[in-house]
Amino acid sequence: MIYRKYVKRILDIILSALAIVILSPVFLVLALLVRLKLGSPVLFKQQRPGYHGKIFGLYKFRSMTDERDADGELLPDEVRLTSFGKKLRATSLDELPEFFNILKGDMSFVGPRPLLVQYLPLYSEEQAHRHDVLPGLTGWAQVNGRNAISWQEKFRLDVEYVRNLSFALDVKIVLMTVKSVLRHEGISSGTSATMEEFHGN
């Protein structure tokens, strides 16, 4: 309980601040590359639900173009996701701006990934417990399949994490995350460039 209420947040502040300082040259290089290859804006901001469903602005480096069809609608993800964008996602470098979300208190290093706002009314009562903790940069579902597992399995793992949250589990997830990133595991689902849209249970 002490770790969940106090220590976890203190570690998030210290580690995210250190990461931002140490990785600042990487941020600058990536920002320049995104600007040259994908244009402006460099950062992608999207509203996501956080702790207890509170909405916040999540930041990532852009990995897609803004290509649209004749009606002005955005083209499918697999069309707008460039080879450069795929590399950003494969290495998870597009996620680096989320360190600022962690520092602000919108997120934690470890927790259920913050999904789309429109999914909020679609969760079952059990699945909604994924919002009982801060969302994370990585999580139990991410190191157990990421986008390659079903939504139901992903939510089951999220709730399992919430109920078993501990320092030991967070360390285990961080170590497993490093392994997953190096192996480029679970980046896409079997039928989509990222993950199929969730339509409810």
N, C-alpha and C. Protein backbone atom coordinates (compact mmCIF):
# COMPACT_ATOMS: atom_id res chain seq x y z
N MET A 1 0.84 -1.21 0.00
CA MET A 1 0.00 0.00 0.00
C MET A 1 0.87 1.26 0.00
N ILE A 2 1.95 1.25 0.77
CA ILE A 2 2.85 2.41 0.82
C ILE A 2 3.49 2.63 -0.56
N TYR A 3 3.88 1.55 -1.20
CA TYR A 3 4.48 1.67 -2.53
C TYR A 3 3.47 2.24 -3.51
N ARG A 4 2.26 1.71 -3.49
CA ARG A 4 1.21 2.14 -4.42
C ARG A 4 0.87 3.61 -4.24
N LYS A 5 0.78 4.08 -2.98
CA LYS A 5 0.31 5.44 -2.70
C LYS A 5 1.40 6.50 -2.74
N TYR A 6 2.64 6.12 -2.38
CA TYR A 6 3.67 7.15 -2.24
C TYR A 6 4.96 6.88 -3.03
N VAL A 7 5.54 5.72 -2.80
CA VAL A 7 6.86 5.43 -3.38
C VAL A 7 6.83 5.40 -4.90
N LYS A 8 5.81 4.82 -5.47
CA LYS A 8 5.71 4.72 -6.93
C LYS A 8 5.74 6.09 -7.59
N ARG A 9 5.02 7.04 -7.02
CA ARG A 9 4.97 8.40 -7.58
C ARG A 9 6.32 9.10 -7.42
N ILE A 10 6.96 8.93 -6.28
CA ILE A 10 8.27 9.55 -6.05
C ILE A 10 9.28 9.02 -7.06
N LEU A 11 9.28 7.72 -7.29
CA LEU A 11 10.18 7.12 -8.28
C LEU A 11 9.88 7.64 -9.68
N ASP A 12 8.59 7.80 -10.00
CA ASP A 12 8.20 8.31 -11.32
C ASP A 12 8.78 9.72 -11.55
N ILE A 13 8.68 10.58 -10.53
CA ILE A 13 9.18 11.95 -10.66
C ILE A 13 10.69 11.96 -10.86
N ILE A 14 11.40 11.22 -10.01
CA ILE A 14 12.87 11.21 -10.08
C ILE A 14 13.36 10.62 -11.40
N LEU A 15 12.81 9.46 -11.79
CA LEU A 15 13.29 8.76 -12.98
C LEU A 15 12.90 9.48 -14.27
N SER A 16 11.71 10.06 -14.32
CA SER A 16 11.31 10.77 -15.54
C SER A 16 12.13 12.05 -15.72
N ALA A 17 12.42 12.76 -14.62
CA ALA A 17 13.24 13.97 -14.69
C ALA A 17 14.65 13.62 -15.17
N LEU A 18 15.22 12.56 -14.63
CA LEU A 18 16.54 12.11 -15.06
C LEU A 18 16.54 11.71 -16.53
N ALA A 19 15.51 10.98 -16.93
CA ALA A 19 15.42 10.52 -18.32
C ALA A 19 15.34 11.69 -19.29
N ILE A 20 14.56 12.71 -18.94
CA ILE A 20 14.42 13.88 -19.81
C ILE A 20 15.75 14.60 -19.98
N VAL A 21 16.49 14.75 -18.89
CA VAL A 21 17.79 15.43 -18.94
C VAL A 21 18.80 14.61 -19.74
N ILE A 22 18.91 13.33 -19.41
CA ILE A 22 19.90 12.48 -20.06
C ILE A 22 19.61 12.28 -21.54
N LEU A 23 18.32 12.15 -21.87
CA LEU A 23 17.94 11.87 -23.26
C LEU A 23 17.64 13.12 -24.08
N SER A 24 17.89 14.30 -23.53
CA SER A 24 17.59 15.54 -24.25
C SER A 24 18.23 15.59 -25.64
N PRO A 25 19.48 15.12 -25.84
CA PRO A 25 20.05 15.12 -27.20
C PRO A 25 19.26 14.20 -28.14
N VAL A 26 18.77 13.08 -27.62
CA VAL A 26 17.97 12.16 -28.43
C VAL A 26 16.66 12.82 -28.82
N PHE A 27 16.04 13.54 -27.88
CA PHE A 27 14.80 14.27 -28.17
C PHE A 27 15.02 15.25 -29.33
N LEU A 28 16.12 15.98 -29.28
CA LEU A 28 16.40 16.99 -30.30
C LEU A 28 16.61 16.36 -31.66
N VAL A 29 17.36 15.27 -31.71
CA VAL A 29 17.63 14.58 -32.98
C VAL A 29 16.33 14.01 -33.56
N LEU A 30 15.54 13.37 -32.72
CA LEU A 30 14.28 12.79 -33.19
C LEU A 30 13.31 13.87 -33.67
N ALA A 31 13.27 14.98 -32.95
CA ALA A 31 12.40 16.08 -33.35
C ALA A 31 12.79 16.60 -34.73
N LEU A 32 14.08 16.72 -34.97
CA LEU A 32 14.56 17.19 -36.27
C LEU A 32 14.22 16.19 -37.37
N LEU A 33 14.41 14.90 -37.11
CA LEU A 33 14.11 13.87 -38.10
C LEU A 33 12.62 13.81 -38.43
N VAL A 34 11.79 13.91 -37.40
CA VAL A 34 10.35 13.90 -37.62
C VAL A 34 9.93 15.11 -38.45
N ARG A 35 10.51 16.26 -38.13
CA ARG A 35 10.18 17.49 -38.88
C ARG A 35 10.57 17.36 -40.35
N LEU A 36 11.73 16.77 -40.62
CA LEU A 36 12.21 16.62 -42.00
C LEU A 36 11.44 15.56 -42.78
N LYS A 37 11.08 14.46 -42.12
CA LYS A 37 10.48 13.33 -42.82
C LYS A 37 8.95 13.34 -42.82
N LEU A 38 8.35 13.90 -41.78
CA LEU A 38 6.90 13.87 -41.66
C LEU A 38 6.26 15.25 -41.60
N GLY A 39 7.07 16.26 -41.42
CA GLY A 39 6.54 17.62 -41.37
C GLY A 39 6.16 18.06 -39.97
N SER A 40 5.36 19.10 -39.92
CA SER A 40 4.93 19.69 -38.66
C SER A 40 3.46 19.38 -38.41
N PRO A 41 3.03 19.25 -37.16
CA PRO A 41 3.80 19.37 -35.93
C PRO A 41 4.64 18.12 -35.66
N VAL A 42 5.70 18.30 -34.89
CA VAL A 42 6.60 17.19 -34.57
C VAL A 42 5.94 16.25 -33.56
N LEU A 43 5.22 16.83 -32.60
CA LEU A 43 4.56 16.04 -31.58
C LEU A 43 3.10 15.77 -31.93
N PHE A 44 2.67 14.59 -31.59
CA PHE A 44 1.28 14.17 -31.77
C PHE A 44 0.63 14.21 -30.40
N LYS A 45 -0.44 14.96 -30.25
CA LYS A 45 -1.15 15.06 -28.97
C LYS A 45 -2.55 14.50 -29.12
N GLN A 46 -2.93 13.65 -28.19
CA GLN A 46 -4.27 13.05 -28.24
C GLN A 46 -4.84 12.94 -26.84
N GLN A 47 -6.12 13.19 -26.72
CA GLN A 47 -6.80 13.08 -25.43
C GLN A 47 -6.96 11.61 -25.06
N ARG A 48 -6.54 11.26 -23.85
CA ARG A 48 -6.64 9.89 -23.36
C ARG A 48 -7.16 9.89 -21.93
N PRO A 49 -7.87 8.84 -21.51
CA PRO A 49 -8.33 8.75 -20.12
C PRO A 49 -7.24 8.22 -19.22
N GLY A 50 -7.09 8.83 -18.05
CA GLY A 50 -6.08 8.41 -17.10
C GLY A 50 -6.70 7.84 -15.82
N TYR A 51 -6.13 8.23 -14.70
CA TYR A 51 -6.59 7.73 -13.40
C TYR A 51 -8.05 8.09 -13.18
N HIS A 52 -8.86 7.08 -12.87
CA HIS A 52 -10.30 7.23 -12.67
C HIS A 52 -10.99 7.84 -13.90
N GLY A 53 -10.39 7.66 -15.08
CA GLY A 53 -10.99 8.12 -16.32
C GLY A 53 -10.80 9.59 -16.62
N LYS A 54 -10.00 10.30 -15.79
CA LYS A 54 -9.76 11.72 -16.03
C LYS A 54 -8.99 11.90 -17.34
N ILE A 55 -9.44 12.82 -18.18
CA ILE A 55 -8.85 13.01 -19.50
C ILE A 55 -7.60 13.89 -19.42
N PHE A 56 -6.55 13.49 -20.14
CA PHE A 56 -5.33 14.28 -20.23
C PHE A 56 -4.79 14.22 -21.66
N GLY A 57 -3.86 15.12 -21.97
CA GLY A 57 -3.26 15.14 -23.30
C GLY A 57 -1.99 14.32 -23.34
N LEU A 58 -1.99 13.23 -24.09
CA LEU A 58 -0.82 12.36 -24.20
C LEU A 58 0.04 12.79 -25.38
N TYR A 59 1.36 12.84 -25.17
CA TYR A 59 2.28 13.29 -26.21
C TYR A 59 3.12 12.14 -26.76
N LYS A 60 3.28 12.13 -28.08
CA LYS A 60 4.17 11.19 -28.77
C LYS A 60 4.83 11.93 -29.93
N PHE A 61 5.92 11.36 -30.42
CA PHE A 61 6.46 11.86 -31.69
C PHE A 61 5.57 11.34 -32.81
N ARG A 62 5.33 12.16 -33.78
CA ARG A 62 4.52 11.74 -34.93
C ARG A 62 5.15 10.55 -35.64
N SER A 63 4.32 9.61 -36.07
CA SER A 63 4.83 8.48 -36.84
C SER A 63 4.01 8.28 -38.12
N MET A 64 3.00 9.14 -38.33
CA MET A 64 2.14 9.02 -39.51
C MET A 64 2.03 10.35 -40.24
N THR A 65 1.70 10.27 -41.51
CA THR A 65 1.44 11.47 -42.30
C THR A 65 -0.01 11.88 -42.07
N ASP A 66 -0.40 13.00 -42.67
CA ASP A 66 -1.79 13.46 -42.58
C ASP A 66 -2.54 13.25 -43.89
N GLU A 67 -2.16 12.24 -44.64
CA GLU A 67 -2.78 11.98 -45.94
C GLU A 67 -4.27 11.70 -45.79
N ARG A 68 -5.06 12.32 -46.66
CA ARG A 68 -6.52 12.17 -46.62
C ARG A 68 -7.09 11.78 -47.98
N ASP A 69 -8.31 11.25 -47.96
CA ASP A 69 -8.96 10.87 -49.21
C ASP A 69 -9.68 12.08 -49.81
N ALA A 70 -10.42 11.86 -50.88
CA ALA A 70 -11.09 12.95 -51.59
C ALA A 70 -12.14 13.65 -50.73
N ASP A 71 -12.65 12.96 -49.71
CA ASP A 71 -13.65 13.55 -48.82
C ASP A 71 -13.04 14.22 -47.60
N GLY A 72 -11.71 14.24 -47.56
CA GLY A 72 -11.04 14.89 -46.44
C GLY A 72 -10.85 14.00 -45.22
N GLU A 73 -11.19 12.70 -45.36
CA GLU A 73 -11.03 11.77 -44.25
C GLU A 73 -9.61 11.19 -44.24
N LEU A 74 -9.06 11.01 -43.06
CA LEU A 74 -7.72 10.43 -42.95
C LEU A 74 -7.70 9.02 -43.54
N LEU A 75 -6.63 8.72 -44.28
CA LEU A 75 -6.47 7.39 -44.84
C LEU A 75 -6.16 6.38 -43.73
N PRO A 76 -6.33 5.08 -43.98
CA PRO A 76 -6.06 4.07 -42.95
C PRO A 76 -4.64 4.16 -42.40
N ASP A 77 -4.46 3.69 -41.16
CA ASP A 77 -3.16 3.76 -40.50
C ASP A 77 -2.05 3.15 -41.34
N GLU A 78 -2.32 1.98 -41.95
CA GLU A 78 -1.27 1.29 -42.69
C GLU A 78 -0.79 2.07 -43.91
N VAL A 79 -1.63 3.00 -44.40
CA VAL A 79 -1.25 3.84 -45.54
C VAL A 79 -0.43 5.03 -45.05
N ARG A 80 -0.82 5.62 -43.92
CA ARG A 80 -0.16 6.82 -43.41
C ARG A 80 1.10 6.52 -42.61
N LEU A 81 1.27 5.25 -42.20
CA LEU A 81 2.44 4.87 -41.41
C LEU A 81 3.62 4.64 -42.35
N THR A 82 4.57 5.57 -42.34
CA THR A 82 5.73 5.49 -43.24
C THR A 82 6.78 4.51 -42.70
N SER A 83 7.78 4.21 -43.51
CA SER A 83 8.86 3.32 -43.07
C SER A 83 9.60 3.93 -41.88
N PHE A 84 9.77 5.25 -41.91
CA PHE A 84 10.39 5.93 -40.77
C PHE A 84 9.51 5.81 -39.54
N GLY A 85 8.20 5.98 -39.73
CA GLY A 85 7.27 5.85 -38.61
C GLY A 85 7.28 4.45 -38.03
N LYS A 86 7.39 3.45 -38.90
CA LYS A 86 7.44 2.06 -38.44
C LYS A 86 8.68 1.82 -37.57
N LYS A 87 9.80 2.44 -37.96
CA LYS A 87 11.03 2.30 -37.18
C LYS A 87 10.88 2.97 -35.82
N LEU A 88 10.23 4.14 -35.80
CA LEU A 88 9.99 4.82 -34.53
C LEU A 88 9.18 3.93 -33.59
N ARG A 89 8.14 3.30 -34.13
CA ARG A 89 7.28 2.46 -33.31
C ARG A 89 7.98 1.16 -32.90
N ALA A 90 8.74 0.58 -33.82
CA ALA A 90 9.43 -0.68 -33.54
C ALA A 90 10.42 -0.52 -32.39
N THR A 91 11.03 0.65 -32.31
CA THR A 91 12.01 0.92 -31.25
C THR A 91 11.38 1.63 -30.05
N SER A 92 10.08 1.94 -30.17
CA SER A 92 9.33 2.66 -29.13
C SER A 92 9.86 4.06 -28.88
N LEU A 93 10.63 4.61 -29.81
CA LEU A 93 11.15 5.96 -29.65
C LEU A 93 10.05 7.01 -29.76
N ASP A 94 8.95 6.66 -30.42
CA ASP A 94 7.83 7.60 -30.52
C ASP A 94 7.20 7.88 -29.17
N GLU A 95 7.46 6.99 -28.19
CA GLU A 95 6.87 7.11 -26.86
C GLU A 95 7.64 8.05 -25.92
N LEU A 96 8.85 8.46 -26.31
CA LEU A 96 9.71 9.22 -25.39
C LEU A 96 9.05 10.49 -24.82
N PRO A 97 8.26 11.25 -25.59
CA PRO A 97 7.64 12.45 -25.00
C PRO A 97 6.71 12.15 -23.84
N GLU A 98 6.32 10.89 -23.66
CA GLU A 98 5.46 10.54 -22.53
C GLU A 98 6.18 10.67 -21.20
N PHE A 99 7.52 10.82 -21.23
CA PHE A 99 8.24 11.10 -19.98
C PHE A 99 7.72 12.39 -19.35
N PHE A 100 7.31 13.36 -20.19
CA PHE A 100 6.76 14.61 -19.67
C PHE A 100 5.39 14.36 -19.02
N ASN A 101 4.60 13.44 -19.60
CA ASN A 101 3.33 13.06 -18.98
C ASN A 101 3.55 12.41 -17.62
N ILE A 102 4.62 11.61 -17.51
CA ILE A 102 4.94 10.96 -16.24
C ILE A 102 5.35 12.00 -15.21
N LEU A 103 6.20 12.95 -15.62
CA LEU A 103 6.67 13.99 -14.72
C LEU A 103 5.50 14.83 -14.20
N LYS A 104 4.54 15.12 -15.08
CA LYS A 104 3.37 15.92 -14.71
C LYS A 104 2.43 15.17 -13.77
N GLY A 105 2.47 13.85 -13.80
CA GLY A 105 1.56 13.07 -12.96
C GLY A 105 0.38 12.51 -13.71
N ASP A 106 0.36 12.67 -15.05
CA ASP A 106 -0.71 12.08 -15.85
C ASP A 106 -0.55 10.57 -15.97
N MET A 107 0.72 10.13 -15.93
CA MET A 107 1.04 8.73 -16.16
C MET A 107 2.10 8.24 -15.16
N SER A 108 2.35 6.94 -15.21
CA SER A 108 3.43 6.32 -14.45
C SER A 108 4.31 5.57 -15.44
N PHE A 109 5.48 5.13 -15.01
CA PHE A 109 6.31 4.32 -15.89
C PHE A 109 5.61 3.00 -16.21
N VAL A 110 4.95 2.42 -15.21
CA VAL A 110 4.29 1.14 -15.39
C VAL A 110 2.82 1.24 -15.01
N GLY A 111 1.95 0.71 -15.88
CA GLY A 111 0.52 0.74 -15.64
C GLY A 111 -0.19 0.37 -16.93
N PRO A 112 -1.51 0.18 -16.90
CA PRO A 112 -2.24 -0.10 -18.13
C PRO A 112 -2.08 1.04 -19.13
N ARG A 113 -1.88 0.72 -20.40
CA ARG A 113 -1.70 1.77 -21.40
C ARG A 113 -2.96 2.63 -21.52
N PRO A 114 -2.81 3.96 -21.65
CA PRO A 114 -3.97 4.83 -21.84
C PRO A 114 -4.53 4.66 -23.25
N LEU A 115 -5.78 4.27 -23.35
CA LEU A 115 -6.39 4.00 -24.64
C LEU A 115 -7.24 5.19 -25.09
N LEU A 116 -8.12 4.98 -26.04
CA LEU A 116 -8.91 6.08 -26.60
C LEU A 116 -10.09 6.45 -25.70
N VAL A 117 -10.45 7.73 -25.71
CA VAL A 117 -11.54 8.21 -24.88
C VAL A 117 -12.86 7.52 -25.24
N GLN A 118 -13.07 7.26 -26.54
CA GLN A 118 -14.34 6.67 -26.97
C GLN A 118 -14.54 5.24 -26.48
N TYR A 119 -13.50 4.64 -25.92
CA TYR A 119 -13.65 3.28 -25.39
C TYR A 119 -14.27 3.27 -23.99
N LEU A 120 -14.26 4.40 -23.30
CA LEU A 120 -14.70 4.45 -21.90
C LEU A 120 -16.08 3.82 -21.66
N PRO A 121 -17.10 4.15 -22.46
CA PRO A 121 -18.41 3.55 -22.19
C PRO A 121 -18.53 2.09 -22.63
N LEU A 122 -17.50 1.55 -23.28
CA LEU A 122 -17.55 0.19 -23.82
C LEU A 122 -17.01 -0.86 -22.86
N TYR A 123 -16.30 -0.42 -21.80
CA TYR A 123 -15.72 -1.38 -20.87
C TYR A 123 -16.79 -2.03 -20.00
N SER A 124 -16.56 -3.30 -19.67
CA SER A 124 -17.40 -3.94 -18.66
C SER A 124 -16.99 -3.39 -17.30
N GLU A 125 -17.77 -3.68 -16.28
CA GLU A 125 -17.45 -3.19 -14.92
C GLU A 125 -16.07 -3.70 -14.50
N GLU A 126 -15.77 -4.95 -14.84
CA GLU A 126 -14.48 -5.53 -14.49
C GLU A 126 -13.35 -4.83 -15.24
N GLN A 127 -13.51 -4.62 -16.53
CA GLN A 127 -12.46 -3.99 -17.35
C GLN A 127 -12.20 -2.55 -16.93
N ALA A 128 -13.22 -1.87 -16.43
CA ALA A 128 -13.08 -0.47 -16.02
C ALA A 128 -12.10 -0.30 -14.86
N HIS A 129 -11.79 -1.38 -14.15
CA HIS A 129 -10.84 -1.30 -13.04
C HIS A 129 -9.42 -1.00 -13.52
N ARG A 130 -9.18 -1.08 -14.82
CA ARG A 130 -7.87 -0.72 -15.35
C ARG A 130 -7.56 0.75 -15.08
N HIS A 131 -8.60 1.55 -14.80
CA HIS A 131 -8.41 2.97 -14.50
C HIS A 131 -8.27 3.25 -13.00
N ASP A 132 -8.11 2.21 -12.20
CA ASP A 132 -7.93 2.40 -10.76
C ASP A 132 -6.50 2.80 -10.39
N VAL A 133 -5.62 2.82 -11.37
CA VAL A 133 -4.24 3.28 -11.19
C VAL A 133 -3.88 4.19 -12.35
N LEU A 134 -2.76 4.90 -12.23
CA LEU A 134 -2.30 5.73 -13.33
C LEU A 134 -1.95 4.86 -14.54
N PRO A 135 -2.25 5.33 -15.75
CA PRO A 135 -1.82 4.58 -16.94
C PRO A 135 -0.30 4.62 -17.05
N GLY A 136 0.26 3.69 -17.83
CA GLY A 136 1.70 3.58 -17.88
C GLY A 136 2.32 3.69 -19.26
N LEU A 137 3.62 3.98 -19.26
CA LEU A 137 4.41 3.96 -20.48
C LEU A 137 4.52 2.53 -20.99
N THR A 138 4.61 1.59 -20.06
CA THR A 138 4.57 0.17 -20.38
C THR A 138 3.70 -0.51 -19.34
N GLY A 139 3.31 -1.75 -19.61
CA GLY A 139 2.43 -2.43 -18.68
C GLY A 139 2.47 -3.94 -18.83
N TRP A 140 1.70 -4.62 -17.99
CA TRP A 140 1.67 -6.07 -17.96
C TRP A 140 1.17 -6.64 -19.29
N ALA A 141 0.19 -5.97 -19.89
CA ALA A 141 -0.32 -6.44 -21.19
C ALA A 141 0.72 -6.22 -22.29
N GLN A 142 1.49 -5.12 -22.20
CA GLN A 142 2.48 -4.82 -23.23
C GLN A 142 3.59 -5.87 -23.27
N VAL A 143 3.98 -6.39 -22.12
CA VAL A 143 5.06 -7.37 -22.10
C VAL A 143 4.55 -8.80 -22.24
N ASN A 144 3.23 -8.93 -22.42
CA ASN A 144 2.64 -10.24 -22.64
C ASN A 144 1.88 -10.29 -23.96
N GLY A 145 2.39 -9.58 -24.95
CA GLY A 145 1.78 -9.66 -26.28
C GLY A 145 1.51 -8.33 -26.96
N ARG A 146 1.35 -7.25 -26.16
CA ARG A 146 1.14 -5.92 -26.72
C ARG A 146 -0.04 -5.93 -27.70
N ASN A 147 0.16 -5.55 -28.95
CA ASN A 147 -0.92 -5.49 -29.92
C ASN A 147 -1.24 -6.82 -30.58
N ALA A 148 -0.48 -7.86 -30.24
CA ALA A 148 -0.68 -9.17 -30.86
C ALA A 148 -1.68 -10.03 -30.10
N ILE A 149 -2.22 -9.54 -28.97
CA ILE A 149 -3.20 -10.30 -28.20
C ILE A 149 -4.57 -9.62 -28.33
N SER A 150 -5.63 -10.34 -27.98
CA SER A 150 -6.99 -9.82 -28.10
C SER A 150 -7.25 -8.73 -27.07
N TRP A 151 -8.27 -7.93 -27.34
CA TRP A 151 -8.65 -6.88 -26.39
C TRP A 151 -9.03 -7.50 -25.05
N GLN A 152 -9.78 -8.61 -25.07
CA GLN A 152 -10.22 -9.22 -23.82
C GLN A 152 -9.03 -9.68 -22.98
N GLU A 153 -8.03 -10.27 -23.63
CA GLU A 153 -6.85 -10.72 -22.91
C GLU A 153 -6.06 -9.53 -22.39
N LYS A 154 -5.99 -8.48 -23.19
CA LYS A 154 -5.28 -7.27 -22.78
C LYS A 154 -5.91 -6.67 -21.52
N PHE A 155 -7.23 -6.57 -21.51
CA PHE A 155 -7.92 -5.99 -20.36
C PHE A 155 -7.80 -6.90 -19.12
N ARG A 156 -7.82 -8.22 -19.35
CA ARG A 156 -7.66 -9.16 -18.23
C ARG A 156 -6.30 -8.95 -17.57
N LEU A 157 -5.27 -8.77 -18.39
CA LEU A 157 -3.93 -8.55 -17.86
C LEU A 157 -3.82 -7.19 -17.16
N ASP A 158 -4.50 -6.17 -17.71
CA ASP A 158 -4.50 -4.85 -17.08
C ASP A 158 -5.07 -4.92 -15.66
N VAL A 159 -6.21 -5.57 -15.52
CA VAL A 159 -6.87 -5.67 -14.21
C VAL A 159 -6.04 -6.55 -13.27
N GLU A 160 -5.41 -7.58 -13.82
CA GLU A 160 -4.53 -8.43 -13.01
C GLU A 160 -3.38 -7.60 -12.44
N TYR A 161 -2.85 -6.69 -13.26
CA TYR A 161 -1.78 -5.81 -12.78
C TYR A 161 -2.28 -4.92 -11.65
N VAL A 162 -3.44 -4.30 -11.83
CA VAL A 162 -4.00 -3.39 -10.83
C VAL A 162 -4.14 -4.10 -9.48
N ARG A 163 -4.58 -5.33 -9.51
CA ARG A 163 -4.83 -6.07 -8.27
C ARG A 163 -3.56 -6.63 -7.63
N ASN A 164 -2.49 -6.70 -8.40
CA ASN A 164 -1.24 -7.27 -7.88
C ASN A 164 -0.08 -6.28 -7.91
N LEU A 165 -0.39 -5.00 -8.04
CA LEU A 165 0.63 -3.97 -8.16
C LEU A 165 1.61 -4.04 -6.99
N SER A 166 2.91 -4.05 -7.34
CA SER A 166 3.95 -4.06 -6.33
C SER A 166 5.25 -3.59 -6.96
N PHE A 167 6.22 -3.26 -6.13
CA PHE A 167 7.53 -2.85 -6.64
C PHE A 167 8.17 -3.97 -7.44
N ALA A 168 8.08 -5.20 -6.94
CA ALA A 168 8.69 -6.35 -7.62
C ALA A 168 8.07 -6.55 -8.99
N LEU A 169 6.74 -6.41 -9.09
CA LEU A 169 6.07 -6.59 -10.38
C LEU A 169 6.47 -5.49 -11.36
N ASP A 170 6.58 -4.25 -10.86
CA ASP A 170 6.98 -3.14 -11.74
C ASP A 170 8.39 -3.35 -12.28
N VAL A 171 9.30 -3.80 -11.43
CA VAL A 171 10.67 -4.06 -11.88
C VAL A 171 10.67 -5.17 -12.93
N LYS A 172 9.89 -6.21 -12.70
CA LYS A 172 9.79 -7.32 -13.65
C LYS A 172 9.28 -6.83 -15.00
N ILE A 173 8.27 -5.96 -14.99
CA ILE A 173 7.68 -5.45 -16.23
C ILE A 173 8.69 -4.57 -16.98
N VAL A 174 9.43 -3.73 -16.25
CA VAL A 174 10.44 -2.88 -16.89
C VAL A 174 11.50 -3.74 -17.58
N LEU A 175 11.97 -4.78 -16.91
CA LEU A 175 12.98 -5.67 -17.49
C LEU A 175 12.43 -6.41 -18.71
N MET A 176 11.19 -6.84 -18.62
CA MET A 176 10.56 -7.53 -19.75
C MET A 176 10.32 -6.57 -20.91
N THR A 177 10.08 -5.30 -20.59
CA THR A 177 9.88 -4.28 -21.63
C THR A 177 11.14 -4.09 -22.45
N VAL A 178 12.28 -4.02 -21.78
CA VAL A 178 13.56 -3.87 -22.47
C VAL A 178 13.75 -5.03 -23.45
N LYS A 179 13.45 -6.23 -23.00
CA LYS A 179 13.57 -7.42 -23.84
C LYS A 179 12.63 -7.35 -25.05
N SER A 180 11.37 -6.94 -24.81
CA SER A 180 10.38 -6.85 -25.88
C SER A 180 10.75 -5.81 -26.93
N VAL A 181 11.27 -4.65 -26.45
CA VAL A 181 11.65 -3.58 -27.37
C VAL A 181 12.82 -4.03 -28.24
N LEU A 182 13.80 -4.69 -27.64
CA LEU A 182 14.97 -5.15 -28.39
C LEU A 182 14.58 -6.19 -29.44
N ARG A 183 13.54 -6.97 -29.14
CA ARG A 183 13.09 -8.01 -30.07
C ARG A 183 11.98 -7.52 -31.00
N HIS A 184 11.50 -6.29 -30.81
CA HIS A 184 10.43 -5.70 -31.63
C HIS A 184 9.18 -6.58 -31.59
N GLU A 185 8.80 -7.03 -30.40
CA GLU A 185 7.69 -7.96 -30.26
C GLU A 185 6.35 -7.24 -30.11
N GLY A 186 5.30 -7.81 -30.76
CA GLY A 186 3.92 -7.39 -30.55
C GLY A 186 3.57 -6.00 -31.02
N ILE A 187 4.32 -5.45 -31.98
CA ILE A 187 4.07 -4.08 -32.43
C ILE A 187 2.74 -3.97 -33.17
N SER A 188 2.43 -4.98 -33.99
CA SER A 188 1.19 -4.99 -34.76
C SER A 188 0.35 -6.19 -34.41
N SER A 189 -0.95 -6.06 -34.66
CA SER A 189 -1.83 -7.22 -34.52
C SER A 189 -1.72 -8.02 -35.81
N GLY A 190 -2.43 -9.11 -35.88
CA GLY A 190 -2.33 -9.94 -37.07
C GLY A 190 -2.99 -9.34 -38.30
N THR A 191 -3.88 -8.36 -38.10
CA THR A 191 -4.63 -7.83 -39.23
C THR A 191 -4.57 -6.31 -39.34
N SER A 192 -3.72 -5.67 -38.57
CA SER A 192 -3.65 -4.21 -38.58
C SER A 192 -2.22 -3.74 -38.37
N ALA A 193 -1.93 -2.51 -38.85
CA ALA A 193 -0.60 -1.95 -38.66
C ALA A 193 -0.34 -1.62 -37.20
N THR A 194 -1.41 -1.42 -36.44
CA THR A 194 -1.25 -1.16 -35.00
C THR A 194 -2.14 -2.14 -34.23
N MET A 195 -3.36 -1.72 -33.92
CA MET A 195 -4.31 -2.59 -33.22
C MET A 195 -5.70 -2.27 -33.71
N GLU A 196 -6.53 -3.31 -33.91
CA GLU A 196 -7.89 -3.07 -34.35
C GLU A 196 -8.66 -2.23 -33.33
N GLU A 197 -9.65 -1.50 -33.82
CA GLU A 197 -10.47 -0.68 -32.92
C GLU A 197 -11.30 -1.57 -32.00
N PHE A 198 -11.45 -1.13 -30.76
CA PHE A 198 -12.26 -1.86 -29.80
C PHE A 198 -13.71 -1.44 -29.95
N HIS A 199 -14.62 -2.42 -30.13
CA HIS A 199 -16.03 -2.12 -30.34
C HIS A 199 -16.91 -2.59 -29.18
N GLY A 200 -16.28 -2.98 -28.09
CA GLY A 200 -17.04 -3.46 -26.96
C GLY A 200 -16.97 -4.97 -26.85
N ASN A 201 -17.54 -5.49 -25.79
CA ASN A 201 -17.45 -6.93 -25.53
C ASN A 201 -18.57 -7.69 -26.23
